[in-house]
Amino acid sequence: MFIDIDGVIIYDPGYLSDVNEIMFLPGVLESLCKARCHGYYLVFISNKGGVYSKKGFTDMELRKMDKYISSKLIENHISEKSFSTYYCTHYPPQLCSCRKPLSGLFEKAVAEHGIETNKSFAIGDKLSDLIPGDTIGCKLGILVKRNQEYFDDQSETSDNFPRLNSLSDAINFILKQNDNQ
């Protein structure tokens, strides 16, 4: 399961730059635990161009935020062996293959963890979070409301991806799909 972080797992105020600003969205930790209990390996992928932007934050601050998020997952019975996190820290217009909507980090996760893409799902609050999953052959991409409030990409509607309210709804949808097969 490929999952975006900002706006899907944690509240996205814009550029998050301080570990003290991290707030998990309601139901997220329980839903991630549920996905793990059903055998899903969790891959968190996020564009973090703020690391090198003028208004952004440092690599050390990103590591602190990552450590905090990981510790909360572990506290909620999600083993550190059952998830991985990947960040693209390149700031546009730098050219790279890892910044979503490109699929470089998705491909890296597949190679490092032997993920079967045809059994995988991509979940994000922007179409650019789902396009890499589509590129590598994920079974389905699911668009969720940013911060559980609104769909970010109103102008880029796509019938290819279901639209749901939250990560919790997306995980329940996936588990129900699997039960029906």
C-alpha atoms as a PDB file:
ATOM      1  CA  MET A   1       0.000   0.000   0.000  1.00  0.00           C
ATOM      2  CA  PHE A   2       1.568   3.292  -1.141  1.00  0.00           C
ATOM      3  CA  ILE A   3       0.339   6.203   0.976  1.00  0.00           C
ATOM      4  CA  ASP A   4       1.003   9.932   0.836  1.00  0.00           C
ATOM      5  CA  ILE A   5       1.802  11.554   4.187  1.00  0.00           C
ATOM      6  CA  ASP A   6       0.824  15.241   4.219  1.00  0.00           C
ATOM      7  CA  GLY A   7      -2.933  15.759   4.157  1.00  0.00           C
ATOM      8  CA  VAL A   8      -3.601  12.003   4.284  1.00  0.00           C
ATOM      9  CA  ILE A   9      -1.903  10.750   7.458  1.00  0.00           C
ATOM     10  CA  ILE A  10      -1.064  14.034   9.123  1.00  0.00           C
ATOM     11  CA  TYR A  11      -2.666  17.457   8.905  1.00  0.00           C
ATOM     12  CA  ASP A  12      -1.089  19.528   6.132  1.00  0.00           C
ATOM     13  CA  PRO A  13      -0.907  23.240   6.985  1.00  0.00           C
ATOM     14  CA  GLY A  14       1.171  23.964   3.863  1.00  0.00           C
ATOM     15  CA  TYR A  15       4.879  23.637   4.518  1.00  0.00           C
ATOM     16  CA  LEU A  16       5.268  21.669   7.718  1.00  0.00           C
ATOM     17  CA  SER A  17       8.583  22.616   9.284  1.00  0.00           C
ATOM     18  CA  ASP A  18       8.460  21.646  12.952  1.00  0.00           C
ATOM     19  CA  VAL A  19       7.879  18.306  14.647  1.00  0.00           C
ATOM     20  CA  ASN A  20       5.610  20.092  17.142  1.00  0.00           C
ATOM     21  CA  GLU A  21       3.213  20.933  14.290  1.00  0.00           C
ATOM     22  CA  ILE A  22       2.534  17.273  13.456  1.00  0.00           C
ATOM     23  CA  MET A  23      -1.059  16.242  14.074  1.00  0.00           C
ATOM     24  CA  PHE A  24      -2.324  12.837  12.970  1.00  0.00           C
ATOM     25  CA  LEU A  25      -5.711  12.965  11.307  1.00  0.00           C
ATOM     26  CA  PRO A  26      -8.596  11.215  13.103  1.00  0.00           C
ATOM     27  CA  GLY A  27      -8.693   7.429  12.706  1.00  0.00           C
ATOM     28  CA  VAL A  28      -5.427   7.211  10.766  1.00  0.00           C
ATOM     29  CA  LEU A  29      -3.319   5.207  13.213  1.00  0.00           C
ATOM     30  CA  GLU A  30      -6.116   2.695  13.831  1.00  0.00           C
ATOM     31  CA  SER A  31      -6.693   2.293  10.095  1.00  0.00           C
ATOM     32  CA  LEU A  32      -3.007   1.767   9.350  1.00  0.00           C
ATOM     33  CA  CYS A  33      -2.916  -0.876  12.080  1.00  0.00           C
ATOM     34  CA  LYS A  34      -5.960  -2.521  10.487  1.00  0.00           C
ATOM     35  CA  ALA A  35      -4.231  -2.579   7.082  1.00  0.00           C
ATOM     36  CA  ARG A  36      -1.169  -4.193   8.656  1.00  0.00           C
ATOM     37  CA  CYS A  37      -3.345  -6.812  10.384  1.00  0.00           C
ATOM     38  CA  HIS A  38      -4.613  -7.725   6.909  1.00  0.00           C
ATOM     39  CA  GLY A  39      -1.065  -8.223   5.660  1.00  0.00           C
ATOM     40  CA  TYR A  40      -0.369  -4.974   3.840  1.00  0.00           C
ATOM     41  CA  TYR A  41       3.152  -3.586   3.818  1.00  0.00           C
ATOM     42  CA  LEU A  42       2.931   0.194   4.206  1.00  0.00           C
ATOM     43  CA  VAL A  43       5.027   2.494   2.031  1.00  0.00           C
ATOM     44  CA  PHE A  44       4.819   6.190   2.846  1.00  0.00           C
ATOM     45  CA  ILE A  45       5.991   8.507   0.075  1.00  0.00           C
ATOM     46  CA  SER A  46       6.139  12.288   0.284  1.00  0.00           C
ATOM     47  CA  ASN A  47       7.492  15.206  -1.709  1.00  0.00           C
ATOM     48  CA  LYS A  48       9.458  17.378   0.717  1.00  0.00           C
ATOM     49  CA  GLY A  49      10.859  20.120  -1.493  1.00  0.00           C
ATOM     50  CA  GLY A  50      10.811  22.387   1.550  1.00  0.00           C
ATOM     51  CA  VAL A  51      14.109  20.884   2.692  1.00  0.00           C
ATOM     52  CA  TYR A  52      15.978  22.924   0.131  1.00  0.00           C
ATOM     53  CA  SER A  53      13.614  25.828  -0.473  1.00  0.00           C
ATOM     54  CA  LYS A  54      14.284  29.276   0.962  1.00  0.00           C
ATOM     55  CA  LYS A  55      11.192  29.118   3.206  1.00  0.00           C
ATOM     56  CA  GLY A  56      11.608  25.472   4.062  1.00  0.00           C
ATOM     57  CA  PHE A  57      13.325  23.428   6.715  1.00  0.00           C
ATOM     58  CA  THR A  58      16.559  21.517   7.143  1.00  0.00           C
ATOM     59  CA  ASP A  59      17.362  17.893   6.508  1.00  0.00           C
ATOM     60  CA  MET A  60      17.769  17.498  10.283  1.00  0.00           C
ATOM     61  CA  GLU A  61      14.230  18.808  10.852  1.00  0.00           C
ATOM     62  CA  LEU A  62      12.914  16.342   8.267  1.00  0.00           C
ATOM     63  CA  ARG A  63      14.697  13.497  10.076  1.00  0.00           C
ATOM     64  CA  LYS A  64      13.128  14.609  13.388  1.00  0.00           C
ATOM     65  CA  MET A  65       9.667  14.675  11.816  1.00  0.00           C
ATOM     66  CA  ASP A  66      10.219  11.261  10.236  1.00  0.00           C
ATOM     67  CA  LYS A  67      11.419   9.822  13.556  1.00  0.00           C
ATOM     68  CA  TYR A  68       8.369  11.250  15.339  1.00  0.00           C
ATOM     69  CA  ILE A  69       5.930   9.804  12.787  1.00  0.00           C
ATOM     70  CA  SER A  70       7.702   6.426  12.917  1.00  0.00           C
ATOM     71  CA  SER A  71       7.588   6.392  16.722  1.00  0.00           C
ATOM     72  CA  LYS A  72       3.832   7.038  16.677  1.00  0.00           C
ATOM     73  CA  LEU A  73       3.324   4.174  14.224  1.00  0.00           C
ATOM     74  CA  ILE A  74       5.363   1.847  16.435  1.00  0.00           C
ATOM     75  CA  GLU A  75       3.464   2.988  19.560  1.00  0.00           C
ATOM     76  CA  ASN A  76       0.287   1.989  17.736  1.00  0.00           C
ATOM     77  CA  HIS A  77       1.452  -1.586  17.107  1.00  0.00           C
ATOM     78  CA  ILE A  78       2.761  -1.071  13.593  1.00  0.00           C
ATOM     79  CA  SER A  79       6.142  -2.787  13.589  1.00  0.00           C
ATOM     80  CA  GLU A  80       9.043  -0.863  12.088  1.00  0.00           C
ATOM     81  CA  LYS A  81       9.601  -3.908   9.849  1.00  0.00           C
ATOM     82  CA  SER A  82       6.157  -3.433   8.325  1.00  0.00           C
ATOM     83  CA  PHE A  83       6.591   0.035   6.840  1.00  0.00           C
ATOM     84  CA  SER A  84       9.067   2.232   5.003  1.00  0.00           C
ATOM     85  CA  THR A  85       9.157   5.939   4.312  1.00  0.00           C
ATOM     86  CA  TYR A  86      10.591   7.629   1.237  1.00  0.00           C
ATOM     87  CA  TYR A  87      11.038  11.354   0.675  1.00  0.00           C
ATOM     88  CA  CYS A  88      11.877  13.372  -2.412  1.00  0.00           C
ATOM     89  CA  THR A  89      13.723  16.429  -1.122  1.00  0.00           C
ATOM     90  CA  HIS A  90      14.369  17.950  -4.539  1.00  0.00           C
ATOM     91  CA  TYR A  91      12.859  21.373  -4.983  1.00  0.00           C
ATOM     92  CA  PRO A  92      11.347  22.254  -8.358  1.00  0.00           C
ATOM     93  CA  PRO A  93      12.552  23.046 -10.906  1.00  0.00           C
ATOM     94  CA  GLN A  94      15.323  20.545 -10.079  1.00  0.00           C
ATOM     95  CA  LEU A  95      14.992  17.542 -12.328  1.00  0.00           C
ATOM     96  CA  CYS A  96      14.755  14.158 -10.649  1.00  0.00           C
ATOM     97  CA  SER A  97      12.890  10.900 -11.128  1.00  0.00           C
ATOM     98  CA  CYS A  98      11.654  10.644  -7.547  1.00  0.00           C
ATOM     99  CA  ARG A  99       9.343  13.657  -7.185  1.00  0.00           C
ATOM    100  CA  LYS A 100       5.712  12.666  -7.594  1.00  0.00           C
ATOM    101  CA  PRO A 101       4.047  12.405 -10.084  1.00  0.00           C
ATOM    102  CA  LEU A 102       7.148  10.566 -11.325  1.00  0.00           C
ATOM    103  CA  SER A 103       7.495   7.007 -10.087  1.00  0.00           C
ATOM    104  CA  GLY A 104      11.137   6.770  -8.960  1.00  0.00           C
ATOM    105  CA  LEU A 105      10.450   6.320  -5.233  1.00  0.00           C
ATOM    106  CA  PHE A 106       7.629   3.864  -5.924  1.00  0.00           C
ATOM    107  CA  GLU A 107       9.988   1.809  -8.096  1.00  0.00           C
ATOM    108  CA  LYS A 108      12.671   1.955  -5.403  1.00  0.00           C
ATOM    109  CA  ALA A 109      10.218   0.656  -2.779  1.00  0.00           C
ATOM    110  CA  VAL A 110       9.103  -2.160  -5.091  1.00  0.00           C
ATOM    111  CA  ALA A 111      12.727  -3.210  -5.672  1.00  0.00           C
ATOM    112  CA  GLU A 112      13.726  -2.977  -2.003  1.00  0.00           C
ATOM    113  CA  HIS A 113      10.708  -4.799  -0.587  1.00  0.00           C
ATOM    114  CA  GLY A 114       9.610  -7.167  -3.352  1.00  0.00           C
ATOM    115  CA  ILE A 115       6.189  -5.539  -3.551  1.00  0.00           C
ATOM    116  CA  GLU A 116       3.691  -7.053  -5.981  1.00  0.00           C
ATOM    117  CA  THR A 117       2.319  -3.955  -7.669  1.00  0.00           C
ATOM    118  CA  ASN A 118      -0.723  -5.719  -9.136  1.00  0.00           C
ATOM    119  CA  LYS A 119      -1.878  -6.354  -5.547  1.00  0.00           C
ATOM    120  CA  SER A 120      -1.005  -2.863  -4.315  1.00  0.00           C
ATOM    121  CA  PHE A 121      -2.948   0.352  -3.875  1.00  0.00           C
ATOM    122  CA  ALA A 122      -1.958   4.019  -3.932  1.00  0.00           C
ATOM    123  CA  ILE A 123      -3.724   6.493  -1.638  1.00  0.00           C
ATOM    124  CA  GLY A 124      -3.259  10.249  -1.776  1.00  0.00           C
ATOM    125  CA  ASP A 125      -4.952  13.628  -1.643  1.00  0.00           C
ATOM    126  CA  LYS A 126      -3.706  14.744  -5.067  1.00  0.00           C
ATOM    127  CA  LEU A 127      -3.775  13.060  -8.441  1.00  0.00           C
ATOM    128  CA  SER A 128       0.020  13.459  -8.487  1.00  0.00           C
ATOM    129  CA  ASP A 129       0.106  10.998  -5.540  1.00  0.00           C
ATOM    130  CA  LEU A 130      -1.776   8.390  -7.573  1.00  0.00           C
ATOM    131  CA  ILE A 131      -0.148   8.715 -10.987  1.00  0.00           C
ATOM    132  CA  PRO A 132       3.075   6.908  -9.931  1.00  0.00           C
ATOM    133  CA  GLY A 133       1.009   3.979  -8.651  1.00  0.00           C
ATOM    134  CA  ASP A 134      -0.798   3.855 -11.975  1.00  0.00           C
ATOM    135  CA  THR A 135       2.553   4.020 -13.791  1.00  0.00           C
ATOM    136  CA  ILE A 136       3.991   1.013 -11.925  1.00  0.00           C
ATOM    137  CA  GLY A 137       0.809  -1.052 -12.269  1.00  0.00           C
ATOM    138  CA  CYS A 138      -0.921  -0.709  -8.913  1.00  0.00           C
ATOM    139  CA  LYS A 139      -4.326  -2.345  -8.741  1.00  0.00           C
ATOM    140  CA  LEU A 140      -6.049   0.923  -7.859  1.00  0.00           C
ATOM    141  CA  GLY A 141      -5.419   4.499  -6.781  1.00  0.00           C
ATOM    142  CA  ILE A 142      -7.774   6.185  -4.318  1.00  0.00           C
ATOM    143  CA  LEU A 143      -8.113   9.939  -3.946  1.00  0.00           C
ATOM    144  CA  VAL A 144      -9.012  11.124  -0.440  1.00  0.00           C
ATOM    145  CA  LYS A 145      -9.945  14.547   0.871  1.00  0.00           C
ATOM    146  CA  ARG A 146      -6.993  16.694   1.914  1.00  0.00           C
ATOM    147  CA  ASN A 147      -6.982  16.936   5.714  1.00  0.00           C
ATOM    148  CA  GLN A 148     -10.323  15.039   5.530  1.00  0.00           C
ATOM    149  CA  GLU A 149     -11.894  18.349   4.424  1.00  0.00           C
ATOM    150  CA  TYR A 150     -11.876  18.841   0.639  1.00  0.00           C
ATOM    151  CA  PHE A 151     -10.665  17.345  -2.624  1.00  0.00           C
ATOM    152  CA  ASP A 152      -7.513  19.162  -3.664  1.00  0.00           C
ATOM    153  CA  ASP A 153      -7.695  18.536  -7.399  1.00  0.00           C
ATOM    154  CA  GLN A 154     -11.204  19.712  -8.324  1.00  0.00           C
ATOM    155  CA  SER A 155     -10.023  20.900 -11.726  1.00  0.00           C
ATOM    156  CA  GLU A 156      -8.341  17.601 -12.525  1.00  0.00           C
ATOM    157  CA  THR A 157     -11.235  15.218 -12.051  1.00  0.00           C
ATOM    158  CA  SER A 158     -10.630  11.675 -13.109  1.00  0.00           C
ATOM    159  CA  ASP A 159     -13.051   8.790 -13.279  1.00  0.00           C
ATOM    160  CA  ASN A 160     -10.104   6.405 -12.966  1.00  0.00           C
ATOM    161  CA  PHE A 161      -9.786   6.895  -9.210  1.00  0.00           C
ATOM    162  CA  PRO A 162     -12.491   6.533  -6.545  1.00  0.00           C
ATOM    163  CA  ARG A 163     -12.878   9.582  -4.277  1.00  0.00           C
ATOM    164  CA  LEU A 164     -13.338   8.929  -0.564  1.00  0.00           C
ATOM    165  CA  ASN A 165     -13.401  11.102   2.545  1.00  0.00           C
ATOM    166  CA  SER A 166     -10.354   9.795   4.397  1.00  0.00           C
ATOM    167  CA  LEU A 167      -7.558   7.258   4.660  1.00  0.00           C
ATOM    168  CA  SER A 168      -9.810   5.256   6.992  1.00  0.00           C
ATOM    169  CA  ASP A 169     -12.513   5.097   4.319  1.00  0.00           C
ATOM    170  CA  ALA A 170      -9.923   4.142   1.694  1.00  0.00           C
ATOM    171  CA  ILE A 171      -8.526   1.282   3.776  1.00  0.00           C
ATOM    172  CA  ASN A 172     -12.035   0.011   4.573  1.00  0.00           C
ATOM    173  CA  PHE A 173     -12.856   0.203   0.841  1.00  0.00           C
ATOM    174  CA  ILE A 174      -9.732  -1.815  -0.020  1.00  0.00           C
ATOM    175  CA  LEU A 175     -10.425  -4.451   2.626  1.00  0.00           C
ATOM    176  CA  LYS A 176     -14.033  -4.769   1.451  1.00  0.00           C
ATOM    177  CA  GLN A 177     -12.847  -5.179  -2.158  1.00  0.00           C
ATOM    178  CA  ASN A 178     -10.545  -7.983  -1.049  1.00  0.00           C
ATOM    179  CA  ASP A 179     -13.333  -9.676   0.929  1.00  0.00           C
ATOM    180  CA  ASN A 180     -15.521  -9.675  -2.193  1.00  0.00           C
ATOM    181  CA  GLN A 181     -12.913 -11.495  -4.290  1.00  0.00           C
END
